[in-house]
Amino acid sequence: MSEDDELEGFMVEIDILSEMRHKNVVRLIDAYLLKKHLWMLLEFCDGGAVDSIMVELDRGLKEPQIAYIARGMVEGLEYLHNNNVIHRDIKAGNVLLTTDGGVKLTDFGVSAKNKHNAQKRTTFIGTPYWMAPEVIVCETSPTETYDHKSDVWSLGITMIEFAQKEPPYNELNPVRAMLRIQKYDPPALDRPSQWSKEFSAFIGACLKKAPAGRPDAADLLQMPFIDRTLDNKPVRELLLEYKADVDEGFEDAAEEDSRVSRVSDSLLLGPSEEEEEEGLLRVCCRQRGVNVPAGDSDSPAVGSHFPAVGSDFSTFDSEFPSKPQPEPTHVSVVQVEPERERSPDAGSATALSPFTSITLQGTTVGSSDVDHLAEETSLSPGHSPLPARVRLRGVTKASAEPGPIHQLPSQYSHHDDAM
């Protein structure tokens, strides 16, 4: 479609709306072309479209709500038809509500304005599931015609949509749905026993397959379903429920965003220094076979056996001797470097420490790995019994002296040894 054709289509809608003045037809305030963009200022309907309300509440409407909205729609259609306008796209999505109980027909983008009341149309246009049989026939038979009563059929389908949240045949693709509309009997409510006889009769009158058998909008206004005093209270309650549901959705979304933000911040900041120390102490406890439950180390279940952060482990070691540890697997040397320390005999001079820092990849290191480490680090076998301080990639530290690896040196509790 070219820009000129698209603009011409909008001009039809503008032409129709500029002449319509009715309480049940959305009002066009102004329209202008600015920098090749067409702007249309329409009456604001703060309740929104009926289909959006049903989607948000995940249910159809109640019968008093349907009756009130249906009366407003029929009054709007009567006005349009008396002014030779065929809407051609009546459905829940094109019915707007206002919080003071207003019902407005909108979206005249595919509407037609006839020159006189008897004029017929041949254009195949509209939304398939709501199309009248005579409109569908025009797709294959250009000589077939229809008039304003096609809107009455669409109104009947919309009544079923209001009640069941979806139009008939919505589970089918549009082509198959149109074939059923043509060949099958008119659709009806799935469970008519749940609705009044007046409502079912109103739908049945709208869904006569032969256009001549359908009533005009003026005749529909005389049917018992809507020919009575109807309060707008059910619709106002519907909009309050809808607004509350929308607000709750916004609050849930904001809470979820806040939770995700907190998780992201915690991942970026990492554990605190106290949490790191407590984690090291828990590793120590597990190596000694002490079952430390998850939770605060100050809890009664842990406090009697869990040493304070920074305390001496001598008492703890005597009460809970080390458990034999399994031989390690998949350990490899990453970095070996000699350490320097201050020599007491050399004043301020420094000397090489007998300790060698060895950075490993793996889980734990046992005494049987010393010769292997010496070979990989080019240390002579004679030096293998010498103590070496082992760092395990920021997890824990342990002595590589001959003997079980879980015998921690006292330096373990000092921050100087923290990685």
Protein backbone atom coordinates (compact mmCIF):
# COMPACT_ATOMS: atom_id res chain seq x y z
CA MET A 1 0.00 0.00 0.00
CA SER A 2 1.40 3.40 -1.00
CA GLU A 3 1.49 6.38 1.35
CA ASP A 4 -1.26 8.05 -0.68
CA ASP A 5 -3.53 4.98 -0.38
CA GLU A 6 -2.87 4.75 3.34
CA LEU A 7 -3.59 8.44 3.81
CA GLU A 8 -6.80 8.06 1.80
CA GLY A 9 -7.93 5.29 4.15
CA PHE A 10 -7.36 7.53 7.16
CA MET A 11 -9.23 10.34 5.45
CA VAL A 12 -12.32 8.11 5.25
CA GLU A 13 -12.17 7.59 9.01
CA ILE A 14 -11.61 11.30 9.61
CA ASP A 15 -14.50 12.16 7.31
CA ILE A 16 -16.86 9.82 9.18
CA LEU A 17 -15.79 10.83 12.69
CA SER A 18 -15.87 14.54 11.91
CA GLU A 19 -19.60 14.24 11.18
CA MET A 20 -20.56 11.87 14.02
CA ARG A 21 -21.73 13.33 17.32
CA HIS A 22 -23.16 10.71 19.64
CA LYS A 23 -22.54 9.63 23.23
CA ASN A 24 -21.75 6.08 22.09
CA VAL A 25 -19.33 7.00 19.29
CA VAL A 26 -15.79 8.12 20.10
CA ARG A 27 -15.33 11.79 19.27
CA LEU A 28 -12.69 13.17 16.94
CA ILE A 29 -11.24 16.35 18.45
CA ASP A 30 -8.82 17.33 15.69
CA ALA A 31 -6.65 15.94 12.90
CA TYR A 32 -3.66 17.47 11.13
CA LEU A 33 -0.69 16.52 8.98
CA LEU A 34 2.73 17.40 10.38
CA LYS A 35 5.98 16.50 8.61
CA LYS A 36 4.28 13.73 6.62
CA HIS A 37 2.76 12.24 9.79
CA LEU A 38 -1.00 12.23 10.33
CA TRP A 39 -2.09 13.04 13.86
CA MET A 40 -5.60 12.29 15.12
CA LEU A 41 -6.73 13.58 18.53
CA LEU A 42 -9.53 11.38 19.81
CA GLU A 43 -11.66 11.48 22.93
CA PHE A 44 -9.85 9.85 25.84
CA CYS A 45 -11.60 6.77 27.24
CA ASP A 46 -9.91 6.01 30.55
CA GLY A 47 -11.48 2.55 30.98
CA GLY A 48 -9.76 1.07 27.92
CA ALA A 49 -10.92 -1.52 25.41
CA VAL A 50 -13.18 -4.36 26.57
CA ASP A 51 -10.94 -7.07 25.11
CA SER A 52 -7.96 -5.74 27.09
CA ILE A 53 -10.03 -5.88 30.27
CA MET A 54 -10.99 -9.51 29.66
CA VAL A 55 -7.40 -10.47 28.88
CA GLU A 56 -6.12 -8.80 32.06
CA LEU A 57 -8.80 -10.41 34.25
CA ASP A 58 -8.52 -13.69 32.33
CA ARG A 59 -12.28 -14.16 32.14
CA GLY A 60 -15.37 -13.07 30.28
CA LEU A 61 -17.91 -10.54 31.50
CA LYS A 62 -20.92 -11.08 33.73
CA GLU A 63 -24.39 -10.81 32.22
CA PRO A 64 -25.31 -7.44 33.83
CA GLN A 65 -22.06 -5.99 32.47
CA ILE A 66 -22.77 -7.42 29.00
CA ALA A 67 -26.34 -6.04 28.99
CA TYR A 68 -25.19 -2.53 29.87
CA ILE A 69 -22.40 -2.50 27.26
CA ALA A 70 -24.65 -4.09 24.63
CA ARG A 71 -27.26 -1.35 25.01
CA GLY A 72 -24.61 1.32 24.48
CA MET A 73 -23.30 -0.50 21.41
CA VAL A 74 -26.77 -0.89 19.87
CA GLU A 75 -27.59 2.77 20.46
CA GLY A 76 -24.31 3.70 18.76
CA LEU A 77 -25.04 1.38 15.82
CA GLU A 78 -28.53 2.78 15.42
CA TYR A 79 -27.04 6.27 15.12
CA LEU A 80 -24.39 5.15 12.61
CA HIS A 81 -26.87 3.23 10.45
CA ASN A 82 -29.29 6.14 10.43
CA ASN A 83 -26.40 8.22 9.07
CA ASN A 84 -25.61 5.61 6.35
CA VAL A 85 -22.39 4.42 8.03
CA ILE A 86 -21.47 0.71 8.19
CA HIS A 87 -18.83 0.09 10.83
CA ARG A 88 -17.68 -3.30 9.40
CA ASP A 89 -15.41 -4.18 12.34
CA ILE A 90 -17.57 -4.53 15.45
CA LYS A 91 -15.76 -6.55 18.14
CA ALA A 92 -14.69 -6.24 21.80
CA GLY A 93 -11.41 -4.60 20.84
CA ASN A 94 -13.29 -1.71 19.23
CA VAL A 95 -15.50 -0.95 22.24
CA LEU A 96 -14.06 1.53 24.73
CA LEU A 97 -15.26 2.23 28.27
CA THR A 98 -14.94 5.24 30.55
CA THR A 99 -14.86 5.16 34.34
CA ASP A 100 -18.12 7.10 34.53
CA GLY A 101 -19.93 4.30 32.64
CA GLY A 102 -19.51 5.49 29.06
CA VAL A 103 -19.58 3.01 26.15
CA LYS A 104 -17.95 4.14 22.89
CA LEU A 105 -17.62 2.54 19.45
CA THR A 106 -14.20 3.26 17.95
CA ASP A 107 -11.82 2.38 15.07
CA PHE A 108 -13.57 3.39 11.86
CA GLY A 109 -10.55 2.55 9.71
CA VAL A 110 -12.46 0.03 7.54
CA SER A 111 -15.88 1.67 7.81
CA ALA A 112 -17.95 2.71 4.82
CA LYS A 113 -20.16 5.76 4.38
CA ASN A 114 -22.98 5.18 1.93
CA LYS A 115 -24.68 7.88 -0.06
CA HIS A 116 -28.13 6.58 0.82
CA ASN A 117 -29.68 3.95 3.07
CA ALA A 118 -30.31 1.40 0.32
CA GLN A 119 -26.75 1.39 -0.98
CA LYS A 120 -24.97 -1.99 -0.84
CA ARG A 121 -21.31 -2.88 -0.43
CA THR A 122 -19.21 -5.58 -2.10
CA THR A 123 -15.83 -5.19 -0.38
CA PHE A 124 -14.48 -8.20 1.48
CA ILE A 125 -13.22 -6.50 4.62
CA GLY A 126 -13.24 -6.85 8.41
CA THR A 127 -11.89 -9.33 10.96
CA PRO A 128 -12.59 -12.97 9.91
CA TYR A 129 -14.03 -14.38 13.15
CA TRP A 130 -16.61 -11.56 13.39
CA MET A 131 -17.49 -11.38 9.66
CA ALA A 132 -21.07 -11.94 8.54
CA PRO A 133 -21.63 -14.79 6.03
CA GLU A 134 -22.67 -12.34 3.28
CA VAL A 135 -19.40 -10.42 3.68
CA ILE A 136 -17.33 -13.62 3.43
CA VAL A 137 -19.14 -14.58 0.21
CA CYS A 138 -17.92 -11.35 -1.40
CA GLU A 139 -14.38 -12.76 -1.42
CA THR A 140 -15.28 -15.28 -4.13
CA SER A 141 -18.44 -13.70 -5.58
CA PRO A 142 -17.95 -9.99 -6.34
CA THR A 143 -21.59 -9.70 -7.36
CA GLU A 144 -22.80 -10.49 -3.84
CA THR A 145 -23.60 -7.51 -1.65
CA TYR A 146 -24.26 -6.63 1.98
CA ASP A 147 -25.54 -3.68 4.00
CA HIS A 148 -25.62 -2.37 7.58
CA LYS A 149 -27.08 -5.65 8.89
CA SER A 150 -23.60 -7.17 8.65
CA ASP A 151 -22.87 -5.08 11.76
CA VAL A 152 -25.76 -6.83 13.54
CA TRP A 153 -24.14 -10.23 12.91
CA SER A 154 -20.81 -8.94 14.25
CA LEU A 155 -22.67 -7.62 17.31
CA GLY A 156 -24.02 -11.13 18.01
CA ILE A 157 -20.52 -12.63 17.74
CA THR A 158 -19.26 -9.91 20.09
CA MET A 159 -21.90 -10.92 22.65
CA ILE A 160 -20.49 -14.46 22.64
CA GLU A 161 -16.98 -12.99 22.90
CA PHE A 162 -18.05 -10.97 25.96
CA ALA A 163 -19.45 -14.09 27.62
CA GLN A 164 -16.64 -16.53 26.74
CA LYS A 165 -13.65 -14.21 26.28
CA GLU A 166 -13.13 -15.46 22.70
CA PRO A 167 -15.27 -15.47 19.54
CA PRO A 168 -16.51 -18.78 18.09
CA TYR A 169 -13.98 -20.79 16.05
CA ASN A 170 -11.06 -18.81 17.52
CA GLU A 171 -9.10 -22.09 17.82
CA LEU A 172 -9.12 -22.41 14.01
CA ASN A 173 -7.10 -20.49 11.47
CA PRO A 174 -9.05 -17.61 9.87
CA VAL A 175 -9.69 -19.36 6.52
CA ARG A 176 -11.17 -22.46 8.15
CA ALA A 177 -13.19 -20.30 10.53
CA MET A 178 -14.73 -18.39 7.61
CA LEU A 179 -15.66 -21.65 5.90
CA ARG A 180 -17.51 -22.78 9.03
CA ILE A 181 -19.29 -19.45 9.32
CA GLN A 182 -20.60 -19.96 5.79
CA LYS A 183 -21.49 -23.66 5.94
CA TYR A 184 -22.41 -24.36 9.57
CA ASP A 185 -25.41 -23.27 11.60
CA PRO A 186 -25.02 -19.96 13.43
CA PRO A 187 -22.88 -20.26 16.60
CA ALA A 188 -24.38 -20.02 20.07
CA LEU A 189 -23.22 -19.94 23.69
CA ASP A 190 -21.29 -23.04 24.76
CA ARG A 191 -23.31 -23.33 27.99
CA PRO A 192 -26.64 -21.58 27.50
CA SER A 193 -27.96 -22.90 30.82
CA GLN A 194 -25.56 -20.53 32.61
CA TRP A 195 -27.15 -17.50 30.95
CA SER A 196 -30.63 -16.02 30.84
CA LYS A 197 -33.10 -16.87 28.08
CA GLU A 198 -33.24 -13.17 27.17
CA PHE A 199 -29.50 -13.12 26.52
CA SER A 200 -29.62 -16.27 24.36
CA ALA A 201 -32.60 -14.86 22.43
CA PHE A 202 -30.74 -11.60 21.80
CA ILE A 203 -27.75 -13.50 20.37
CA GLY A 204 -30.01 -15.74 18.29
CA ALA A 205 -31.74 -12.71 16.74
CA CYS A 206 -28.40 -11.16 15.76
CA LEU A 207 -27.03 -14.38 14.27
CA LYS A 208 -29.59 -15.10 11.59
CA LYS A 209 -27.70 -16.32 8.52
CA ALA A 210 -30.07 -14.58 6.11
CA PRO A 211 -29.60 -10.80 6.45
CA ALA A 212 -33.29 -10.24 5.78
CA GLY A 213 -34.15 -12.20 8.91
CA ARG A 214 -31.98 -10.07 11.18
CA PRO A 215 -33.45 -7.17 13.09
CA ASP A 216 -32.24 -3.61 12.70
CA ALA A 217 -30.52 -1.87 15.58
CA ALA A 218 -33.80 -0.10 16.34
CA ASP A 219 -35.54 -3.49 16.66
CA LEU A 220 -32.80 -4.81 18.95
CA LEU A 221 -33.44 -1.93 21.35
CA GLN A 222 -36.93 -3.36 21.88
CA MET A 223 -35.68 -6.81 22.94
CA PRO A 224 -36.09 -7.70 26.65
CA PHE A 225 -32.35 -8.23 27.17
CA ILE A 226 -31.60 -4.50 26.88
CA ASP A 227 -35.05 -2.86 26.87
CA ARG A 228 -35.02 -2.15 30.58
CA THR A 229 -33.42 0.11 33.11
CA LEU A 230 -29.74 -0.74 33.25
CA ASP A 231 -27.45 0.64 35.94
CA ASN A 232 -23.82 1.41 35.11
CA LYS A 233 -22.71 0.11 38.52
CA PRO A 234 -21.67 -3.35 37.16
CA VAL A 235 -19.41 -1.68 34.59
CA ARG A 236 -17.91 0.69 37.15
CA GLU A 237 -17.17 -2.30 39.39
CA LEU A 238 -15.61 -4.07 36.41
CA LEU A 239 -13.28 -1.14 35.81
CA LEU A 240 -12.33 -0.95 39.49
CA GLU A 241 -11.46 -4.64 39.43
CA TYR A 242 -9.48 -4.15 36.22
CA LYS A 243 -7.58 -1.18 37.64
CA ALA A 244 -6.77 -3.09 40.85
CA ASP A 245 -5.49 -6.04 38.82
CA VAL A 246 -3.32 -3.77 36.67
CA ASP A 247 -1.92 -1.98 39.75
CA GLU A 248 -1.13 -5.33 41.38
CA GLY A 249 0.69 -6.37 38.21
CA PHE A 250 2.79 -3.19 38.33
CA GLU A 251 3.62 -3.79 42.01
CA ASP A 252 4.62 -7.39 41.31
CA ALA A 253 6.82 -6.25 38.42
CA ALA A 254 8.45 -3.57 40.59
CA GLU A 255 9.07 -6.10 43.39
CA GLU A 256 10.62 -8.55 40.91
CA ASP A 257 12.85 -5.80 39.48
CA SER A 258 13.95 -4.90 43.01
CA ARG A 259 14.73 -8.54 43.82
CA VAL A 260 16.75 -8.98 40.63
CA SER A 261 18.62 -5.75 41.41
CA ARG A 262 19.50 -6.97 44.90
CA VAL A 263 20.75 -10.28 43.56
CA SER A 264 22.82 -8.49 40.91
CA ASP A 265 24.32 -6.16 43.51
CA SER A 266 25.25 -9.09 45.77
CA LEU A 267 26.95 -10.86 42.88
CA LEU A 268 28.91 -7.73 42.02
CA LEU A 269 29.94 -6.95 45.61
CA GLY A 270 30.83 -10.54 46.54
CA PRO A 271 31.01 -11.87 50.11
CA SER A 272 32.13 -9.67 52.99
CA GLU A 273 35.40 -10.23 54.85
CA GLU A 274 33.52 -11.74 57.77
CA GLU A 275 31.65 -14.11 55.45
CA GLU A 276 34.93 -15.20 53.87
CA GLU A 277 36.47 -15.95 57.29
CA GLU A 278 33.40 -17.87 58.40
CA GLY A 279 33.54 -19.87 55.18
CA LEU A 280 37.18 -20.83 55.91
CA LEU A 281 36.25 -21.89 59.42
CA ARG A 282 33.46 -24.08 58.08
CA VAL A 283 35.96 -25.76 55.73
CA CYS A 284 38.17 -26.45 58.73
CA CYS A 285 35.26 -27.97 60.64
CA ARG A 286 34.31 -30.24 57.77
CA GLN A 287 37.92 -31.46 57.53
CA ARG A 288 37.70 -32.49 61.18
CA GLY A 289 34.38 -34.28 60.71
CA VAL A 290 32.34 -31.67 62.60
CA ASN A 291 28.88 -31.32 61.08
CA VAL A 292 28.19 -27.59 60.95
CA PRO A 293 24.61 -26.86 59.84
CA ALA A 294 23.89 -23.97 57.54
CA GLY A 295 23.05 -20.72 59.24
CA ASP A 296 24.60 -18.31 61.70
CA SER A 297 27.73 -19.58 63.46
CA ASP A 298 26.42 -18.00 66.68
CA SER A 299 23.34 -20.27 66.72
CA PRO A 300 23.00 -22.80 69.60
CA ALA A 301 23.48 -25.70 67.22
CA VAL A 302 26.93 -24.50 66.28
CA GLY A 303 28.19 -22.12 68.95
CA SER A 304 29.44 -24.75 71.41
CA HIS A 305 31.86 -26.27 68.89
CA PHE A 306 32.53 -23.47 66.42
CA PRO A 307 35.65 -21.41 67.31
CA ALA A 308 35.39 -17.66 67.10
CA VAL A 309 36.86 -15.93 64.08
CA GLY A 310 40.56 -15.20 64.67
CA SER A 311 40.84 -17.53 67.71
CA ASP A 312 43.47 -20.20 68.36
CA PHE A 313 42.60 -23.67 67.07
CA SER A 314 44.60 -25.60 69.72
CA THR A 315 41.56 -26.44 71.90
CA PHE A 316 39.45 -27.15 68.87
CA ASP A 317 42.16 -29.46 67.44
CA SER A 318 42.38 -31.50 70.64
CA GLU A 319 38.62 -31.91 70.92
CA PHE A 320 38.10 -32.76 67.30
CA PRO A 321 41.14 -34.57 65.91
CA SER A 322 41.65 -34.67 62.19
CA LYS A 323 39.88 -37.28 60.09
CA PRO A 324 41.83 -39.26 57.50
CA GLN A 325 41.40 -37.58 54.15
CA PRO A 326 41.08 -39.27 50.78
CA GLU A 327 43.94 -38.98 48.39
CA PRO A 328 43.52 -35.96 46.10
CA THR A 329 42.88 -36.04 42.40
CA HIS A 330 43.47 -33.69 39.49
CA VAL A 331 46.04 -31.46 41.18
CA SER A 332 48.51 -29.49 39.11
CA VAL A 333 51.04 -26.79 39.88
CA VAL A 334 50.17 -23.36 38.59
CA GLN A 335 52.84 -21.19 40.17
CA VAL A 336 55.88 -21.70 42.42
CA GLU A 337 57.70 -18.80 44.02
CA PRO A 338 60.09 -18.48 47.00
CA GLU A 339 58.96 -16.27 49.85
CA ARG A 340 61.09 -13.68 51.61
CA GLU A 341 60.88 -12.94 55.29
CA ARG A 342 62.64 -10.63 57.73
CA SER A 343 65.68 -12.32 59.27
CA PRO A 344 66.09 -11.64 63.02
CA ASP A 345 69.89 -11.94 62.69
CA ALA A 346 70.17 -9.58 59.78
CA GLY A 347 68.42 -6.55 61.22
CA SER A 348 66.33 -5.06 58.46
CA ALA A 349 67.71 -7.37 55.81
CA THR A 350 65.56 -10.08 54.32
CA ALA A 351 66.37 -13.64 53.51
CA LEU A 352 64.72 -16.46 51.64
CA SER A 353 62.20 -18.29 53.76
CA PRO A 354 62.33 -22.10 53.99
CA PHE A 355 58.69 -21.92 52.88
CA THR A 356 57.83 -22.06 49.21
CA SER A 357 54.51 -20.76 47.97
CA ILE A 358 52.93 -23.20 45.52
CA THR A 359 49.72 -22.27 43.76
CA LEU A 360 47.68 -25.29 42.77
CA GLN A 361 44.56 -26.13 40.85
CA GLY A 362 42.47 -28.82 42.48
CA THR A 363 40.54 -29.63 45.61
CA THR A 364 42.96 -30.95 48.28
CA VAL A 365 46.58 -32.03 48.34
CA GLY A 366 47.85 -35.01 50.30
CA SER A 367 51.33 -35.94 51.48
CA SER A 368 51.83 -38.36 48.60
CA ASP A 369 51.86 -35.41 46.25
CA VAL A 370 55.07 -33.90 47.66
CA ASP A 371 57.41 -35.90 45.41
CA HIS A 372 55.18 -35.19 42.45
CA LEU A 373 55.24 -31.46 43.27
CA ALA A 374 59.00 -31.51 43.67
CA GLU A 375 59.37 -33.13 40.26
CA GLU A 376 57.05 -30.66 38.54
CA THR A 377 58.66 -27.64 40.23
CA SER A 378 62.22 -28.81 39.61
CA LEU A 379 62.90 -29.17 43.32
CA SER A 380 65.41 -31.81 44.29
CA PRO A 381 63.99 -34.90 46.01
CA GLY A 382 66.01 -34.01 49.07
CA HIS A 383 63.98 -30.86 49.49
CA SER A 384 60.63 -32.56 49.20
CA PRO A 385 60.22 -33.09 53.00
CA LEU A 386 60.73 -29.36 53.56
CA PRO A 387 57.50 -27.61 54.52
CA ALA A 388 55.81 -25.69 51.77
CA ARG A 389 52.84 -23.44 52.07
CA VAL A 390 50.17 -24.37 49.55
CA ARG A 391 47.49 -22.04 48.22
CA LEU A 392 44.43 -23.57 46.55
CA ARG A 393 43.12 -20.91 44.24
CA GLY A 394 41.43 -18.77 46.88
CA VAL A 395 39.68 -21.73 48.56
CA THR A 396 41.95 -22.73 51.46
CA LYS A 397 45.58 -23.18 52.48
CA ALA A 398 47.30 -26.21 53.91
CA SER A 399 50.79 -27.40 54.78
CA ALA A 400 52.60 -29.70 52.37
CA GLU A 401 54.78 -31.20 55.10
CA PRO A 402 54.94 -34.99 55.19
CA GLY A 403 51.80 -36.20 56.87
CA PRO A 404 48.10 -35.53 56.41
CA ILE A 405 47.37 -32.26 54.66
CA HIS A 406 44.56 -31.35 57.07
CA GLN A 407 47.00 -30.50 59.90
CA LEU A 408 46.72 -26.73 59.59
CA PRO A 409 49.53 -24.49 60.81
CA SER A 410 48.71 -21.85 63.38
CA GLN A 411 49.28 -19.15 60.74
CA TYR A 412 45.95 -20.22 59.25
CA SER A 413 44.03 -17.97 61.62
CA HIS A 414 46.04 -14.81 60.68
CA HIS A 415 44.95 -12.37 58.01
CA ASP A 416 48.53 -12.27 56.69
CA ASP A 417 47.95 -15.68 55.14
CA ALA A 418 44.64 -14.82 53.49
CA MET A 419 44.63 -15.00 49.74
